Amino acid sequence: MDEENELSKSAHKVFKIKYHFVFVVKYRKDLFLQLKYVETFKRICYGLEKRYHMKFETIGFDEDHVHFMLQSVMKYSPS
């Protein structure tokens, strides 16, 4: 089974939860045109993956915002 269609399993449940987040830079500044901020942001996201049960499937950058497609477990709420 490929990783895209893989289901997560727990004691009495099978699930697949994905979140799509869009975060905007304050005042819509074009912060992500500078590569050092993009690399730092990705490093932080992959650090979060290691500490929590989540996987960043995609991280997309525009000048003033970032998109995440995130897969997580049910014990974490989107907030």
N, C-alpha and C. Protein backbone atom coordinates (compact mmCIF):
# COMPACT_ATOMS: atom_id res chain seq x y z
N MET A 1 0.86 -1.18 0.00
CA MET A 1 0.00 0.00 0.00
C MET A 1 0.90 1.23 0.00
N ASP A 2 0.63 2.18 -0.85
CA ASP A 2 1.47 3.38 -0.88
C ASP A 2 1.15 4.30 0.28
N GLU A 3 2.09 5.17 0.59
CA GLU A 3 2.00 6.03 1.77
C GLU A 3 0.84 7.02 1.69
N GLU A 4 0.44 7.41 0.49
CA GLU A 4 -0.65 8.38 0.30
C GLU A 4 -1.98 7.84 0.82
N ASN A 5 -2.23 6.54 0.63
CA ASN A 5 -3.50 5.94 1.02
C ASN A 5 -3.42 5.19 2.34
N GLU A 6 -2.33 5.31 3.04
CA GLU A 6 -2.13 4.58 4.28
C GLU A 6 -3.02 5.15 5.39
N LEU A 7 -3.67 4.27 6.12
CA LEU A 7 -4.53 4.67 7.22
C LEU A 7 -3.77 4.54 8.53
N SER A 8 -4.06 5.43 9.48
CA SER A 8 -3.48 5.34 10.81
C SER A 8 -4.37 4.47 11.67
N LYS A 9 -3.75 3.73 12.58
CA LYS A 9 -4.52 2.79 13.41
C LYS A 9 -4.22 3.04 14.87
N SER A 10 -5.26 2.85 15.68
CA SER A 10 -5.14 2.95 17.12
C SER A 10 -5.85 1.73 17.70
N ALA A 11 -6.03 1.69 19.00
CA ALA A 11 -6.59 0.51 19.65
C ALA A 11 -7.93 0.07 19.04
N HIS A 12 -8.86 1.00 18.89
CA HIS A 12 -10.20 0.64 18.42
C HIS A 12 -10.65 1.51 17.26
N LYS A 13 -9.73 2.07 16.52
CA LYS A 13 -10.14 2.96 15.43
C LYS A 13 -9.11 2.95 14.31
N VAL A 14 -9.61 3.27 13.14
CA VAL A 14 -8.79 3.45 11.95
C VAL A 14 -9.16 4.81 11.40
N PHE A 15 -8.16 5.63 11.06
CA PHE A 15 -8.48 7.00 10.67
C PHE A 15 -7.43 7.57 9.73
N LYS A 16 -7.82 8.62 9.08
CA LYS A 16 -6.91 9.39 8.23
C LYS A 16 -7.37 10.83 8.32
N ILE A 17 -6.61 11.64 9.03
CA ILE A 17 -6.97 13.04 9.24
C ILE A 17 -5.93 13.92 8.57
N LYS A 18 -6.41 14.81 7.71
CA LYS A 18 -5.51 15.75 7.04
C LYS A 18 -6.04 17.16 7.26
N TYR A 19 -5.12 18.08 7.46
CA TYR A 19 -5.46 19.49 7.64
C TYR A 19 -4.75 20.31 6.57
N HIS A 20 -5.44 21.33 6.10
CA HIS A 20 -4.82 22.30 5.19
C HIS A 20 -4.84 23.64 5.91
N PHE A 21 -3.65 24.16 6.19
CA PHE A 21 -3.51 25.44 6.87
C PHE A 21 -2.88 26.45 5.93
N VAL A 22 -3.29 27.68 6.06
CA VAL A 22 -2.65 28.79 5.36
C VAL A 22 -2.31 29.84 6.42
N PHE A 23 -1.03 30.14 6.56
CA PHE A 23 -0.58 31.15 7.50
C PHE A 23 -0.07 32.35 6.72
N VAL A 24 -0.52 33.53 7.11
CA VAL A 24 -0.17 34.76 6.42
C VAL A 24 0.83 35.54 7.29
N VAL A 25 1.83 36.11 6.65
CA VAL A 25 2.81 36.94 7.34
C VAL A 25 2.15 38.26 7.72
N LYS A 26 2.46 38.74 8.91
CA LYS A 26 1.89 39.99 9.39
C LYS A 26 2.13 41.12 8.40
N TYR A 27 1.11 41.90 8.15
CA TYR A 27 1.13 43.03 7.21
C TYR A 27 1.42 42.59 5.77
N ARG A 28 1.27 41.29 5.51
CA ARG A 28 1.48 40.75 4.16
C ARG A 28 2.85 41.10 3.58
N LYS A 29 3.86 41.14 4.43
CA LYS A 29 5.22 41.42 3.96
C LYS A 29 5.73 40.22 3.16
N ASP A 30 6.51 40.48 2.13
CA ASP A 30 7.01 39.41 1.28
C ASP A 30 8.27 38.77 1.88
N LEU A 31 8.06 38.12 3.00
CA LEU A 31 9.13 37.54 3.80
C LEU A 31 9.76 36.31 3.14
N PHE A 32 8.95 35.50 2.48
CA PHE A 32 9.43 34.22 1.98
C PHE A 32 10.12 34.33 0.63
N LEU A 33 10.42 35.53 0.18
CA LEU A 33 11.26 35.69 -1.00
C LEU A 33 12.73 35.46 -0.63
N GLN A 34 13.03 35.55 0.66
CA GLN A 34 14.39 35.31 1.14
C GLN A 34 14.54 33.84 1.53
N LEU A 35 15.46 33.15 0.89
CA LEU A 35 15.60 31.71 1.05
C LEU A 35 15.94 31.29 2.48
N LYS A 36 16.64 32.15 3.23
CA LYS A 36 17.02 31.75 4.60
C LYS A 36 15.79 31.56 5.48
N TYR A 37 14.73 32.33 5.27
CA TYR A 37 13.51 32.17 6.06
C TYR A 37 12.76 30.90 5.67
N VAL A 38 12.78 30.58 4.40
CA VAL A 38 12.12 29.36 3.93
C VAL A 38 12.80 28.14 4.53
N GLU A 39 14.11 28.09 4.49
CA GLU A 39 14.84 26.94 5.03
C GLU A 39 14.67 26.83 6.55
N THR A 40 14.68 27.93 7.25
CA THR A 40 14.46 27.92 8.70
C THR A 40 13.06 27.42 9.03
N PHE A 41 12.07 27.87 8.29
CA PHE A 41 10.69 27.46 8.51
C PHE A 41 10.53 25.96 8.27
N LYS A 42 11.13 25.43 7.22
CA LYS A 42 11.05 24.00 6.94
C LYS A 42 11.73 23.19 8.04
N ARG A 43 12.87 23.67 8.51
CA ARG A 43 13.59 22.96 9.58
C ARG A 43 12.75 22.90 10.85
N ILE A 44 12.04 23.97 11.17
CA ILE A 44 11.17 23.98 12.34
C ILE A 44 10.02 22.99 12.16
N CYS A 45 9.45 22.96 10.98
CA CYS A 45 8.34 22.02 10.70
C CYS A 45 8.79 20.57 10.84
N TYR A 46 9.96 20.24 10.31
CA TYR A 46 10.44 18.87 10.41
C TYR A 46 10.85 18.53 11.84
N GLY A 47 11.22 19.52 12.63
CA GLY A 47 11.46 19.30 14.05
C GLY A 47 10.17 18.97 14.78
N LEU A 48 9.07 19.63 14.38
CA LEU A 48 7.76 19.34 14.97
C LEU A 48 7.32 17.92 14.62
N GLU A 49 7.62 17.48 13.41
CA GLU A 49 7.29 16.11 13.00
C GLU A 49 7.92 15.09 13.92
N LYS A 50 9.15 15.33 14.31
CA LYS A 50 9.87 14.37 15.14
C LYS A 50 9.34 14.33 16.57
N ARG A 51 8.85 15.47 17.06
CA ARG A 51 8.37 15.54 18.45
C ARG A 51 6.93 15.09 18.62
N TYR A 52 6.11 15.29 17.60
CA TYR A 52 4.68 14.97 17.68
C TYR A 52 4.32 13.98 16.59
N HIS A 53 3.17 13.35 16.72
CA HIS A 53 2.72 12.39 15.73
C HIS A 53 2.03 13.14 14.59
N MET A 54 2.82 13.74 13.72
CA MET A 54 2.27 14.45 12.57
C MET A 54 3.26 14.35 11.43
N LYS A 55 2.75 14.58 10.23
CA LYS A 55 3.61 14.54 9.05
C LYS A 55 3.20 15.67 8.13
N PHE A 56 4.16 16.52 7.78
CA PHE A 56 3.92 17.58 6.82
C PHE A 56 4.04 16.98 5.43
N GLU A 57 2.90 16.78 4.76
CA GLU A 57 2.93 16.19 3.43
C GLU A 57 3.45 17.18 2.41
N THR A 58 2.99 18.41 2.48
CA THR A 58 3.50 19.46 1.60
C THR A 58 3.62 20.76 2.39
N ILE A 59 4.64 21.52 2.05
CA ILE A 59 4.82 22.86 2.60
C ILE A 59 5.08 23.75 1.39
N GLY A 60 4.14 24.65 1.12
CA GLY A 60 4.26 25.51 -0.04
C GLY A 60 4.39 26.97 0.37
N PHE A 61 5.29 27.68 -0.27
CA PHE A 61 5.56 29.07 0.08
C PHE A 61 5.16 30.00 -1.06
N ASP A 62 4.60 31.12 -0.71
CA ASP A 62 4.38 32.24 -1.60
C ASP A 62 5.12 33.41 -0.97
N GLU A 63 5.05 34.59 -1.56
CA GLU A 63 5.80 35.71 -0.99
C GLU A 63 5.38 36.03 0.44
N ASP A 64 4.08 36.00 0.70
CA ASP A 64 3.58 36.50 1.98
C ASP A 64 2.75 35.48 2.76
N HIS A 65 2.75 34.23 2.35
CA HIS A 65 2.03 33.22 3.11
C HIS A 65 2.61 31.83 2.84
N VAL A 66 2.22 30.90 3.69
CA VAL A 66 2.71 29.52 3.57
C VAL A 66 1.51 28.57 3.70
N HIS A 67 1.50 27.50 2.91
CA HIS A 67 0.46 26.48 2.93
C HIS A 67 1.04 25.20 3.51
N PHE A 68 0.25 24.52 4.32
CA PHE A 68 0.63 23.21 4.85
C PHE A 68 -0.45 22.21 4.50
N MET A 69 -0.05 21.02 4.11
CA MET A 69 -0.95 19.87 4.10
C MET A 69 -0.35 18.95 5.14
N LEU A 70 -1.09 18.72 6.21
CA LEU A 70 -0.57 18.09 7.41
C LEU A 70 -1.44 16.89 7.76
N GLN A 71 -0.80 15.78 8.06
CA GLN A 71 -1.52 14.60 8.54
C GLN A 71 -1.17 14.41 10.00
N SER A 72 -2.20 14.16 10.83
CA SER A 72 -1.97 14.07 12.26
C SER A 72 -2.84 12.98 12.86
N VAL A 73 -2.70 12.79 14.15
CA VAL A 73 -3.53 11.84 14.89
C VAL A 73 -4.67 12.58 15.57
N MET A 74 -5.65 11.83 16.04
CA MET A 74 -6.87 12.45 16.56
C MET A 74 -6.68 13.17 17.88
N LYS A 75 -5.63 12.90 18.61
CA LYS A 75 -5.50 13.52 19.93
C LYS A 75 -5.10 14.98 19.85
N TYR A 76 -4.65 15.47 18.68
CA TYR A 76 -4.29 16.88 18.51
C TYR A 76 -5.39 17.61 17.76
N SER A 77 -5.88 18.70 18.33
CA SER A 77 -6.88 19.49 17.63
C SER A 77 -6.20 20.47 16.69
N PRO A 78 -6.88 20.93 15.65
CA PRO A 78 -6.27 21.86 14.70
C PRO A 78 -5.86 23.17 15.34
N SER A 79 -6.52 23.56 16.42
CA SER A 79 -6.17 24.84 17.05
C SER A 79 -4.84 24.73 17.74
